[in-house]
Amino acid sequence: TGRIREYSRDVLGSVRFAPWLEVYTA
């Protein structure tokens, strides 16, 4: 989850995009 949040912030511009990436990952 930390990696996903970091990716969301650095690559996509916001941690707001992390929840759906967590869904995809699960």
mmCIF file of all heavy atoms, coordinates in Angstrom:
data_MODEL
# 
_entry.id   MODEL 
# 
loop_
_atom_site.group_PDB 
_atom_site.id 
_atom_site.type_symbol 
_atom_site.label_atom_id 
_atom_site.label_alt_id 
_atom_site.label_comp_id 
_atom_site.label_asym_id 
_atom_site.label_entity_id 
_atom_site.label_seq_id 
_atom_site.pdbx_PDB_ins_code 
_atom_site.Cartn_x 
_atom_site.Cartn_y 
_atom_site.Cartn_z 
_atom_site.occupancy 
_atom_site.B_iso_or_equiv 
_atom_site.pdbx_formal_charge 
_atom_site.auth_seq_id 
_atom_site.auth_comp_id 
_atom_site.auth_asym_id 
_atom_site.auth_atom_id 
_atom_site.pdbx_PDB_model_num 
ATOM 1   N N   . THR A 1 1  ? 0.829   -1.205 0.000   1.00 0.00 ? 1  THR A N   1 
ATOM 2   C CA  . THR A 1 1  ? 0.000   0.000  0.000   1.00 0.00 ? 1  THR A CA  1 
ATOM 3   C C   . THR A 1 1  ? 0.863   1.255  0.000   1.00 0.00 ? 1  THR A C   1 
ATOM 4   O O   . THR A 1 1  ? 0.518   2.256  -0.630  1.00 0.00 ? 1  THR A O   1 
ATOM 5   C CB  . THR A 1 1  ? -0.954  0.016  1.213   1.00 0.00 ? 1  THR A CB  1 
ATOM 6   O OG1 . THR A 1 1  ? -0.199  -0.080 2.423   1.00 0.00 ? 1  THR A OG1 1 
ATOM 7   C CG2 . THR A 1 1  ? -1.935  -1.148 1.147   1.00 0.00 ? 1  THR A CG2 1 
ATOM 8   N N   . GLY A 1 2  ? 2.006   1.195  0.673   1.00 0.00 ? 2  GLY A N   1 
ATOM 9   C CA  . GLY A 1 2  ? 2.918   2.331  0.656   1.00 0.00 ? 2  GLY A CA  1 
ATOM 10  C C   . GLY A 1 2  ? 3.476   2.577  -0.733  1.00 0.00 ? 2  GLY A C   1 
ATOM 11  O O   . GLY A 1 2  ? 3.586   3.730  -1.178  1.00 0.00 ? 2  GLY A O   1 
ATOM 12  N N   . ARG A 1 3  ? 3.809   1.506  -1.410  1.00 0.00 ? 3  ARG A N   1 
ATOM 13  C CA  . ARG A 1 3  ? 4.323   1.636  -2.781  1.00 0.00 ? 3  ARG A CA  1 
ATOM 14  C C   . ARG A 1 3  ? 3.257   2.214  -3.712  1.00 0.00 ? 3  ARG A C   1 
ATOM 15  O O   . ARG A 1 3  ? 3.541   3.056  -4.569  1.00 0.00 ? 3  ARG A O   1 
ATOM 16  C CB  . ARG A 1 3  ? 4.781   0.268  -3.282  1.00 0.00 ? 3  ARG A CB  1 
ATOM 17  C CG  . ARG A 1 3  ? 5.345   0.289  -4.703  1.00 0.00 ? 3  ARG A CG  1 
ATOM 18  C CD  . ARG A 1 3  ? 5.647   -1.109 -5.184  1.00 0.00 ? 3  ARG A CD  1 
ATOM 19  N NE  . ARG A 1 3  ? 6.007   -1.122 -6.596  1.00 0.00 ? 3  ARG A NE  1 
ATOM 20  C CZ  . ARG A 1 3  ? 6.009   -2.209 -7.356  1.00 0.00 ? 3  ARG A CZ  1 
ATOM 21  N NH1 . ARG A 1 3  ? 5.673   -3.382 -6.821  1.00 0.00 ? 3  ARG A NH1 1 
ATOM 22  N NH2 . ARG A 1 3  ? 6.339   -2.149 -8.626  1.00 0.00 ? 3  ARG A NH2 1 
ATOM 23  N N   . ILE A 1 4  ? 2.010   1.757  -3.523  1.00 0.00 ? 4  ILE A N   1 
ATOM 24  C CA  . ILE A 1 4  ? 0.915   2.249  -4.355  1.00 0.00 ? 4  ILE A CA  1 
ATOM 25  C C   . ILE A 1 4  ? 0.679   3.737  -4.116  1.00 0.00 ? 4  ILE A C   1 
ATOM 26  O O   . ILE A 1 4  ? 0.502   4.512  -5.066  1.00 0.00 ? 4  ILE A O   1 
ATOM 27  C CB  . ILE A 1 4  ? -0.369  1.437  -4.087  1.00 0.00 ? 4  ILE A CB  1 
ATOM 28  C CG1 . ILE A 1 4  ? -0.219  0.023  -4.634  1.00 0.00 ? 4  ILE A CG1 1 
ATOM 29  C CG2 . ILE A 1 4  ? -1.593  2.123  -4.699  1.00 0.00 ? 4  ILE A CG2 1 
ATOM 30  C CD1 . ILE A 1 4  ? -1.351  -0.918 -4.255  1.00 0.00 ? 4  ILE A CD1 1 
ATOM 31  N N   . ARG A 1 5  ? 0.680   4.150  -2.865  1.00 0.00 ? 5  ARG A N   1 
ATOM 32  C CA  . ARG A 1 5  ? 0.485   5.563  -2.546  1.00 0.00 ? 5  ARG A CA  1 
ATOM 33  C C   . ARG A 1 5  ? 1.619   6.420  -3.112  1.00 0.00 ? 5  ARG A C   1 
ATOM 34  O O   . ARG A 1 5  ? 1.381   7.515  -3.640  1.00 0.00 ? 5  ARG A O   1 
ATOM 35  C CB  . ARG A 1 5  ? 0.374   5.751  -1.034  1.00 0.00 ? 5  ARG A CB  1 
ATOM 36  C CG  . ARG A 1 5  ? -0.920  5.219  -0.438  1.00 0.00 ? 5  ARG A CG  1 
ATOM 37  C CD  . ARG A 1 5  ? -0.932  5.361  1.075   1.00 0.00 ? 5  ARG A CD  1 
ATOM 38  N NE  . ARG A 1 5  ? -0.893  6.756  1.480   1.00 0.00 ? 5  ARG A NE  1 
ATOM 39  C CZ  . ARG A 1 5  ? -1.961  7.544  1.586   1.00 0.00 ? 5  ARG A CZ  1 
ATOM 40  N NH1 . ARG A 1 5  ? -3.156  7.064  1.296   1.00 0.00 ? 5  ARG A NH1 1 
ATOM 41  N NH2 . ARG A 1 5  ? -1.842  8.798  1.981   1.00 0.00 ? 5  ARG A NH2 1 
ATOM 42  N N   . GLU A 1 6  ? 2.821   5.920  -3.017  1.00 0.00 ? 6  GLU A N   1 
ATOM 43  C CA  . GLU A 1 6  ? 3.968   6.653  -3.566  1.00 0.00 ? 6  GLU A CA  1 
ATOM 44  C C   . GLU A 1 6  ? 3.845   6.780  -5.082  1.00 0.00 ? 6  GLU A C   1 
ATOM 45  O O   . GLU A 1 6  ? 4.097   7.851  -5.649  1.00 0.00 ? 6  GLU A O   1 
ATOM 46  C CB  . GLU A 1 6  ? 5.263   5.930  -3.187  1.00 0.00 ? 6  GLU A CB  1 
ATOM 47  C CG  . GLU A 1 6  ? 6.513   6.628  -3.687  1.00 0.00 ? 6  GLU A CG  1 
ATOM 48  C CD  . GLU A 1 6  ? 7.779   5.871  -3.319  1.00 0.00 ? 6  GLU A CD  1 
ATOM 49  O OE1 . GLU A 1 6  ? 7.675   4.807  -2.655  1.00 0.00 ? 6  GLU A OE1 1 
ATOM 50  O OE2 . GLU A 1 6  ? 8.870   6.330  -3.698  1.00 0.00 ? 6  GLU A OE2 1 
ATOM 51  N N   . TYR A 1 7  ? 3.461   5.692  -5.731  1.00 0.00 ? 7  TYR A N   1 
ATOM 52  C CA  . TYR A 1 7  ? 3.283   5.710  -7.190  1.00 0.00 ? 7  TYR A CA  1 
ATOM 53  C C   . TYR A 1 7  ? 2.179   6.693  -7.574  1.00 0.00 ? 7  TYR A C   1 
ATOM 54  O O   . TYR A 1 7  ? 2.323   7.470  -8.534  1.00 0.00 ? 7  TYR A O   1 
ATOM 55  C CB  . TYR A 1 7  ? 2.941   4.301  -7.676  1.00 0.00 ? 7  TYR A CB  1 
ATOM 56  C CG  . TYR A 1 7  ? 2.717   4.201  -9.164  1.00 0.00 ? 7  TYR A CG  1 
ATOM 57  C CD1 . TYR A 1 7  ? 3.768   4.014  -10.047 1.00 0.00 ? 7  TYR A CD1 1 
ATOM 58  C CD2 . TYR A 1 7  ? 1.430   4.291  -9.690  1.00 0.00 ? 7  TYR A CD2 1 
ATOM 59  C CE1 . TYR A 1 7  ? 3.559   3.927  -11.420 1.00 0.00 ? 7  TYR A CE1 1 
ATOM 60  C CE2 . TYR A 1 7  ? 1.203   4.197  -11.062 1.00 0.00 ? 7  TYR A CE2 1 
ATOM 61  C CZ  . TYR A 1 7  ? 2.273   4.015  -11.920 1.00 0.00 ? 7  TYR A CZ  1 
ATOM 62  O OH  . TYR A 1 7  ? 2.049   3.930  -13.277 1.00 0.00 ? 7  TYR A OH  1 
ATOM 63  N N   . SER A 1 8  ? 1.067   6.660  -6.847  1.00 0.00 ? 8  SER A N   1 
ATOM 64  C CA  . SER A 1 8  ? -0.053  7.550  -7.145  1.00 0.00 ? 8  SER A CA  1 
ATOM 65  C C   . SER A 1 8  ? 0.361   9.009  -7.034  1.00 0.00 ? 8  SER A C   1 
ATOM 66  O O   . SER A 1 8  ? 0.008   9.841  -7.879  1.00 0.00 ? 8  SER A O   1 
ATOM 67  C CB  . SER A 1 8  ? -1.221  7.281  -6.195  1.00 0.00 ? 8  SER A CB  1 
ATOM 68  O OG  . SER A 1 8  ? -1.693  5.961  -6.330  1.00 0.00 ? 8  SER A OG  1 
ATOM 69  N N   . ARG A 1 9  ? 1.114   9.317  -5.996  1.00 0.00 ? 9  ARG A N   1 
ATOM 70  C CA  . ARG A 1 9  ? 1.553   10.695 -5.769  1.00 0.00 ? 9  ARG A CA  1 
ATOM 71  C C   . ARG A 1 9  ? 2.591   11.137 -6.793  1.00 0.00 ? 9  ARG A C   1 
ATOM 72  O O   . ARG A 1 9  ? 2.468   12.215 -7.399  1.00 0.00 ? 9  ARG A O   1 
ATOM 73  C CB  . ARG A 1 9  ? 2.122   10.830 -4.362  1.00 0.00 ? 9  ARG A CB  1 
ATOM 74  C CG  . ARG A 1 9  ? 2.523   12.264 -4.004  1.00 0.00 ? 9  ARG A CG  1 
ATOM 75  C CD  . ARG A 1 9  ? 3.222   12.348 -2.658  1.00 0.00 ? 9  ARG A CD  1 
ATOM 76  N NE  . ARG A 1 9  ? 4.481   11.598 -2.640  1.00 0.00 ? 9  ARG A NE  1 
ATOM 77  C CZ  . ARG A 1 9  ? 4.685   10.496 -1.938  1.00 0.00 ? 9  ARG A CZ  1 
ATOM 78  N NH1 . ARG A 1 9  ? 3.703   9.992  -1.185  1.00 0.00 ? 9  ARG A NH1 1 
ATOM 79  N NH2 . ARG A 1 9  ? 5.858   9.878  -1.979  1.00 0.00 ? 9  ARG A NH2 1 
ATOM 80  N N   . ASP A 1 10 ? 3.587   10.302 -7.036  1.00 0.00 ? 10 ASP A N   1 
ATOM 81  C CA  . ASP A 1 10 ? 4.705   10.721 -7.885  1.00 0.00 ? 10 ASP A CA  1 
ATOM 82  C C   . ASP A 1 10 ? 4.392   10.640 -9.373  1.00 0.00 ? 10 ASP A C   1 
ATOM 83  O O   . ASP A 1 10 ? 4.817   11.507 -10.151 1.00 0.00 ? 10 ASP A O   1 
ATOM 84  C CB  . ASP A 1 10 ? 5.934   9.861  -7.579  1.00 0.00 ? 10 ASP A CB  1 
ATOM 85  C CG  . ASP A 1 10 ? 6.449   10.060 -6.160  1.00 0.00 ? 10 ASP A CG  1 
ATOM 86  O OD1 . ASP A 1 10 ? 6.016   11.034 -5.512  1.00 0.00 ? 10 ASP A OD1 1 
ATOM 87  O OD2 . ASP A 1 10 ? 7.252   9.231  -5.703  1.00 0.00 ? 10 ASP A OD2 1 
ATOM 88  N N   . VAL A 1 11 ? 3.662   9.611  -9.785  1.00 0.00 ? 11 VAL A N   1 
ATOM 89  C CA  . VAL A 1 11 ? 3.411   9.395  -11.216 1.00 0.00 ? 11 VAL A CA  1 
ATOM 90  C C   . VAL A 1 11 ? 2.085   10.019 -11.667 1.00 0.00 ? 11 VAL A C   1 
ATOM 91  O O   . VAL A 1 11 ? 2.005   10.629 -12.738 1.00 0.00 ? 11 VAL A O   1 
ATOM 92  C CB  . VAL A 1 11 ? 3.428   7.889  -11.550 1.00 0.00 ? 11 VAL A CB  1 
ATOM 93  C CG1 . VAL A 1 11 ? 3.095   7.656  -13.024 1.00 0.00 ? 11 VAL A CG1 1 
ATOM 94  C CG2 . VAL A 1 11 ? 4.791   7.294  -11.213 1.00 0.00 ? 11 VAL A CG2 1 
ATOM 95  N N   . LEU A 1 12 ? 1.045   9.893  -10.830 1.00 0.00 ? 12 LEU A N   1 
ATOM 96  C CA  . LEU A 1 12 ? -0.285  10.354 -11.225 1.00 0.00 ? 12 LEU A CA  1 
ATOM 97  C C   . LEU A 1 12 ? -0.699  11.661 -10.561 1.00 0.00 ? 12 LEU A C   1 
ATOM 98  O O   . LEU A 1 12 ? -1.756  12.196 -10.860 1.00 0.00 ? 12 LEU A O   1 
ATOM 99  C CB  . LEU A 1 12 ? -1.321  9.269  -10.912 1.00 0.00 ? 12 LEU A CB  1 
ATOM 100 C CG  . LEU A 1 12 ? -1.089  7.930  -11.615 1.00 0.00 ? 12 LEU A CG  1 
ATOM 101 C CD1 . LEU A 1 12 ? -2.111  6.899  -11.155 1.00 0.00 ? 12 LEU A CD1 1 
ATOM 102 C CD2 . LEU A 1 12 ? -1.127  8.082  -13.129 1.00 0.00 ? 12 LEU A CD2 1 
ATOM 103 N N   . GLY A 1 13 ? 0.131   12.165 -9.648  1.00 0.00 ? 13 GLY A N   1 
ATOM 104 C CA  . GLY A 1 13 ? -0.097  13.490 -9.110  1.00 0.00 ? 13 GLY A CA  1 
ATOM 105 C C   . GLY A 1 13 ? -0.877  13.592 -7.827  1.00 0.00 ? 13 GLY A C   1 
ATOM 106 O O   . GLY A 1 13 ? -1.009  14.687 -7.271  1.00 0.00 ? 13 GLY A O   1 
ATOM 107 N N   . SER A 1 14 ? -1.412  12.480 -7.310  1.00 0.00 ? 14 SER A N   1 
ATOM 108 C CA  . SER A 1 14 ? -2.196  12.570 -6.079  1.00 0.00 ? 14 SER A CA  1 
ATOM 109 C C   . SER A 1 14 ? -2.422  11.181 -5.484  1.00 0.00 ? 14 SER A C   1 
ATOM 110 O O   . SER A 1 14 ? -2.617  10.200 -6.225  1.00 0.00 ? 14 SER A O   1 
ATOM 111 C CB  . SER A 1 14 ? -3.555  13.225 -6.343  1.00 0.00 ? 14 SER A CB  1 
ATOM 112 O OG  . SER A 1 14 ? -4.378  13.174 -5.198  1.00 0.00 ? 14 SER A OG  1 
ATOM 113 N N   . VAL A 1 15 ? -2.423  11.113 -4.152  1.00 0.00 ? 15 VAL A N   1 
ATOM 114 C CA  . VAL A 1 15 ? -2.729  9.845  -3.485  1.00 0.00 ? 15 VAL A CA  1 
ATOM 115 C C   . VAL A 1 15 ? -4.210  9.505  -3.594  1.00 0.00 ? 15 VAL A C   1 
ATOM 116 O O   . VAL A 1 15 ? -4.636  8.415  -3.210  1.00 0.00 ? 15 VAL A O   1 
ATOM 117 C CB  . VAL A 1 15 ? -2.314  9.886  -2.005  1.00 0.00 ? 15 VAL A CB  1 
ATOM 118 C CG1 . VAL A 1 15 ? -0.817  9.997  -1.877  1.00 0.00 ? 15 VAL A CG1 1 
ATOM 119 C CG2 . VAL A 1 15 ? -3.031  11.009 -1.260  1.00 0.00 ? 15 VAL A CG2 1 
ATOM 120 N N   . ARG A 1 16 ? -5.022  10.444 -4.113  1.00 0.00 ? 16 ARG A N   1 
ATOM 121 C CA  . ARG A 1 16 ? -6.445  10.172 -4.312  1.00 0.00 ? 16 ARG A CA  1 
ATOM 122 C C   . ARG A 1 16 ? -6.681  9.019  -5.285  1.00 0.00 ? 16 ARG A C   1 
ATOM 123 O O   . ARG A 1 16 ? -7.768  8.442  -5.314  1.00 0.00 ? 16 ARG A O   1 
ATOM 124 C CB  . ARG A 1 16 ? -7.152  11.421 -4.834  1.00 0.00 ? 16 ARG A CB  1 
ATOM 125 C CG  . ARG A 1 16 ? -7.320  12.533 -3.810  1.00 0.00 ? 16 ARG A CG  1 
ATOM 126 C CD  . ARG A 1 16 ? -7.860  13.771 -4.489  1.00 0.00 ? 16 ARG A CD  1 
ATOM 127 N NE  . ARG A 1 16 ? -8.381  14.735 -3.522  1.00 0.00 ? 16 ARG A NE  1 
ATOM 128 C CZ  . ARG A 1 16 ? -8.866  15.928 -3.853  1.00 0.00 ? 16 ARG A CZ  1 
ATOM 129 N NH1 . ARG A 1 16 ? -8.872  16.296 -5.132  1.00 0.00 ? 16 ARG A NH1 1 
ATOM 130 N NH2 . ARG A 1 16 ? -9.327  16.743 -2.930  1.00 0.00 ? 16 ARG A NH2 1 
ATOM 131 N N   . PHE A 1 17 ? -5.682  8.711  -6.082  1.00 0.00 ? 17 PHE A N   1 
ATOM 132 C CA  . PHE A 1 17 ? -5.834  7.644  -7.072  1.00 0.00 ? 17 PHE A CA  1 
ATOM 133 C C   . PHE A 1 17 ? -5.406  6.284  -6.540  1.00 0.00 ? 17 PHE A C   1 
ATOM 134 O O   . PHE A 1 17 ? -5.537  5.277  -7.228  1.00 0.00 ? 17 PHE A O   1 
ATOM 135 C CB  . PHE A 1 17 ? -5.054  7.997  -8.341  1.00 0.00 ? 17 PHE A CB  1 
ATOM 136 C CG  . PHE A 1 17 ? -5.441  9.338  -8.916  1.00 0.00 ? 17 PHE A CG  1 
ATOM 137 C CD1 . PHE A 1 17 ? -4.514  10.357 -9.032  1.00 0.00 ? 17 PHE A CD1 1 
ATOM 138 C CD2 . PHE A 1 17 ? -6.742  9.571  -9.314  1.00 0.00 ? 17 PHE A CD2 1 
ATOM 139 C CE1 . PHE A 1 17 ? -4.875  11.598 -9.541  1.00 0.00 ? 17 PHE A CE1 1 
ATOM 140 C CE2 . PHE A 1 17 ? -7.118  10.807 -9.836  1.00 0.00 ? 17 PHE A CE2 1 
ATOM 141 C CZ  . PHE A 1 17 ? -6.186  11.820 -9.948  1.00 0.00 ? 17 PHE A CZ  1 
ATOM 142 N N   . ALA A 1 18 ? -4.902  6.259  -5.319  1.00 0.00 ? 18 ALA A N   1 
ATOM 143 C CA  . ALA A 1 18 ? -4.430  5.002  -4.743  1.00 0.00 ? 18 ALA A CA  1 
ATOM 144 C C   . ALA A 1 18 ? -5.536  3.980  -4.486  1.00 0.00 ? 18 ALA A C   1 
ATOM 145 O O   . ALA A 1 18 ? -5.319  2.780  -4.693  1.00 0.00 ? 18 ALA A O   1 
ATOM 146 C CB  . ALA A 1 18 ? -3.649  5.274  -3.456  1.00 0.00 ? 18 ALA A CB  1 
ATOM 147 N N   . PRO A 1 19 ? -6.726  4.380  -4.000  1.00 0.00 ? 19 PRO A N   1 
ATOM 148 C CA  . PRO A 1 19 ? -7.741  3.362  -3.671  1.00 0.00 ? 19 PRO A CA  1 
ATOM 149 C C   . PRO A 1 19 ? -8.092  2.435  -4.827  1.00 0.00 ? 19 PRO A C   1 
ATOM 150 O O   . PRO A 1 19 ? -8.219  1.215  -4.628  1.00 0.00 ? 19 PRO A O   1 
ATOM 151 C CB  . PRO A 1 19 ? -8.939  4.204  -3.241  1.00 0.00 ? 19 PRO A CB  1 
ATOM 152 C CG  . PRO A 1 19 ? -8.335  5.434  -2.646  1.00 0.00 ? 19 PRO A CG  1 
ATOM 153 C CD  . PRO A 1 19 ? -7.155  5.715  -3.521  1.00 0.00 ? 19 PRO A CD  1 
ATOM 154 N N   . TRP A 1 20 ? -8.236  2.971  -6.043  1.00 0.00 ? 20 TRP A N   1 
ATOM 155 C CA  . TRP A 1 20 ? -8.561  2.078  -7.163  1.00 0.00 ? 20 TRP A CA  1 
ATOM 156 C C   . TRP A 1 20 ? -7.369  1.202  -7.535  1.00 0.00 ? 20 TRP A C   1 
ATOM 157 O O   . TRP A 1 20 ? -7.543  0.045  -7.932  1.00 0.00 ? 20 TRP A O   1 
ATOM 158 C CB  . TRP A 1 20 ? -9.044  2.869  -8.374  1.00 0.00 ? 20 TRP A CB  1 
ATOM 159 C CG  . TRP A 1 20 ? -10.507 3.166  -8.316  1.00 0.00 ? 20 TRP A CG  1 
ATOM 160 C CD1 . TRP A 1 20 ? -11.100 4.395  -8.234  1.00 0.00 ? 20 TRP A CD1 1 
ATOM 161 C CD2 . TRP A 1 20 ? -11.575 2.213  -8.302  1.00 0.00 ? 20 TRP A CD2 1 
ATOM 162 N NE1 . TRP A 1 20 ? -12.458 4.261  -8.166  1.00 0.00 ? 20 TRP A NE1 1 
ATOM 163 C CE2 . TRP A 1 20 ? -12.791 2.940  -8.215  1.00 0.00 ? 20 TRP A CE2 1 
ATOM 164 C CE3 . TRP A 1 20 ? -11.634 0.823  -8.362  1.00 0.00 ? 20 TRP A CE3 1 
ATOM 165 C CZ2 . TRP A 1 20 ? -14.047 2.318  -8.180  1.00 0.00 ? 20 TRP A CZ2 1 
ATOM 166 C CZ3 . TRP A 1 20 ? -12.883 0.200  -8.326  1.00 0.00 ? 20 TRP A CZ3 1 
ATOM 167 C CH2 . TRP A 1 20 ? -14.062 0.936  -8.238  1.00 0.00 ? 20 TRP A CH2 1 
ATOM 168 N N   . LEU A 1 21 ? -6.160  1.724  -7.393  1.00 0.00 ? 21 LEU A N   1 
ATOM 169 C CA  . LEU A 1 21 ? -4.989  0.887  -7.656  1.00 0.00 ? 21 LEU A CA  1 
ATOM 170 C C   . LEU A 1 21 ? -4.891  -0.247 -6.641  1.00 0.00 ? 21 LEU A C   1 
ATOM 171 O O   . LEU A 1 21 ? -4.443  -1.353 -6.975  1.00 0.00 ? 21 LEU A O   1 
ATOM 172 C CB  . LEU A 1 21 ? -3.718  1.734  -7.622  1.00 0.00 ? 21 LEU A CB  1 
ATOM 173 C CG  . LEU A 1 21 ? -3.558  2.759  -8.752  1.00 0.00 ? 21 LEU A CG  1 
ATOM 174 C CD1 . LEU A 1 21 ? -2.261  3.537  -8.593  1.00 0.00 ? 21 LEU A CD1 1 
ATOM 175 C CD2 . LEU A 1 21 ? -3.618  2.087  -10.123 1.00 0.00 ? 21 LEU A CD2 1 
ATOM 176 N N   . GLU A 1 22 ? -5.327  0.003  -5.411  1.00 0.00 ? 22 GLU A N   1 
ATOM 177 C CA  . GLU A 1 22 ? -5.371  -1.065 -4.413  1.00 0.00 ? 22 GLU A CA  1 
ATOM 178 C C   . GLU A 1 22 ? -6.401  -2.122 -4.805  1.00 0.00 ? 22 GLU A C   1 
ATOM 179 O O   . GLU A 1 22 ? -6.171  -3.326 -4.623  1.00 0.00 ? 22 GLU A O   1 
ATOM 180 C CB  . GLU A 1 22 ? -5.695  -0.475 -3.043  1.00 0.00 ? 22 GLU A CB  1 
ATOM 181 C CG  . GLU A 1 22 ? -4.569  0.382  -2.484  1.00 0.00 ? 22 GLU A CG  1 
ATOM 182 C CD  . GLU A 1 22 ? -4.952  1.071  -1.182  1.00 0.00 ? 22 GLU A CD  1 
ATOM 183 O OE1 . GLU A 1 22 ? -6.088  0.848  -0.699  1.00 0.00 ? 22 GLU A OE1 1 
ATOM 184 O OE2 . GLU A 1 22 ? -4.128  1.841  -0.657  1.00 0.00 ? 22 GLU A OE2 1 
ATOM 185 N N   . VAL A 1 23 ? -7.534  -1.689 -5.348  1.00 0.00 ? 23 VAL A N   1 
ATOM 186 C CA  . VAL A 1 23 ? -8.544  -2.641 -5.833  1.00 0.00 ? 23 VAL A CA  1 
ATOM 187 C C   . VAL A 1 23 ? -7.973  -3.491 -6.957  1.00 0.00 ? 23 VAL A C   1 
ATOM 188 O O   . VAL A 1 23 ? -8.087  -4.727 -6.954  1.00 0.00 ? 23 VAL A O   1 
ATOM 189 C CB  . VAL A 1 23 ? -9.802  -1.888 -6.326  1.00 0.00 ? 23 VAL A CB  1 
ATOM 190 C CG1 . VAL A 1 23 ? -10.722 -2.838 -7.094  1.00 0.00 ? 23 VAL A CG1 1 
ATOM 191 C CG2 . VAL A 1 23 ? -10.542 -1.267 -5.155  1.00 0.00 ? 23 VAL A CG2 1 
ATOM 192 N N   . TYR A 1 24 ? -7.345  -2.849 -7.948  1.00 0.00 ? 24 TYR A N   1 
ATOM 193 C CA  . TYR A 1 24 ? -6.759  -3.585 -9.064  1.00 0.00 ? 24 TYR A CA  1 
ATOM 194 C C   . TYR A 1 24 ? -5.748  -4.617 -8.560  1.00 0.00 ? 24 TYR A C   1 
ATOM 195 O O   . TYR A 1 24 ? -5.706  -5.755 -9.032  1.00 0.00 ? 24 TYR A O   1 
ATOM 196 C CB  . TYR A 1 24 ? -6.031  -2.636 -10.027 1.00 0.00 ? 24 TYR A CB  1 
ATOM 197 C CG  . TYR A 1 24 ? -6.871  -1.602 -10.737 1.00 0.00 ? 24 TYR A CG  1 
ATOM 198 C CD1 . TYR A 1 24 ? -6.280  -0.672 -11.580 1.00 0.00 ? 24 TYR A CD1 1 
ATOM 199 C CD2 . TYR A 1 24 ? -8.260  -1.529 -10.580 1.00 0.00 ? 24 TYR A CD2 1 
ATOM 200 C CE1 . TYR A 1 24 ? -7.018  0.294  -12.249 1.00 0.00 ? 24 TYR A CE1 1 
ATOM 201 C CE2 . TYR A 1 24 ? -9.008  -0.573 -11.244 1.00 0.00 ? 24 TYR A CE2 1 
ATOM 202 C CZ  . TYR A 1 24 ? -8.380  0.346  -12.073 1.00 0.00 ? 24 TYR A CZ  1 
ATOM 203 O OH  . TYR A 1 24 ? -9.109  1.297  -12.731 1.00 0.00 ? 24 TYR A OH  1 
ATOM 204 N N   . THR A 1 25 ? -4.918  -4.185 -7.606  1.00 0.00 ? 25 THR A N   1 
ATOM 205 C CA  . THR A 1 25 ? -3.861  -5.060 -7.094  1.00 0.00 ? 25 THR A CA  1 
ATOM 206 C C   . THR A 1 25 ? -4.446  -6.274 -6.382  1.00 0.00 ? 25 THR A C   1 
ATOM 207 O O   . THR A 1 25 ? -3.983  -7.408 -6.578  1.00 0.00 ? 25 THR A O   1 
ATOM 208 C CB  . THR A 1 25 ? -2.946  -4.277 -6.142  1.00 0.00 ? 25 THR A CB  1 
ATOM 209 O OG1 . THR A 1 25 ? -2.398  -3.144 -6.827  1.00 0.00 ? 25 THR A OG1 1 
ATOM 210 C CG2 . THR A 1 25 ? -1.803  -5.146 -5.640  1.00 0.00 ? 25 THR A CG2 1 
ATOM 211 N N   . ALA A 1 26 ? -5.458  -6.057 -5.549  1.00 0.00 ? 26 ALA A N   1 
ATOM 212 C CA  . ALA A 1 26 ? -6.091  -7.169 -4.841  1.00 0.00 ? 26 ALA A CA  1 
ATOM 213 C C   . ALA A 1 26 ? -6.782  -8.113 -5.818  1.00 0.00 ? 26 ALA A C   1 
ATOM 214 O O   . ALA A 1 26 ? -6.723  -9.338 -5.664  1.00 0.00 ? 26 ALA A O   1 
ATOM 215 C CB  . ALA A 1 26 ? -7.100  -6.632 -3.827  1.00 0.00 ? 26 ALA A CB  1 
# 
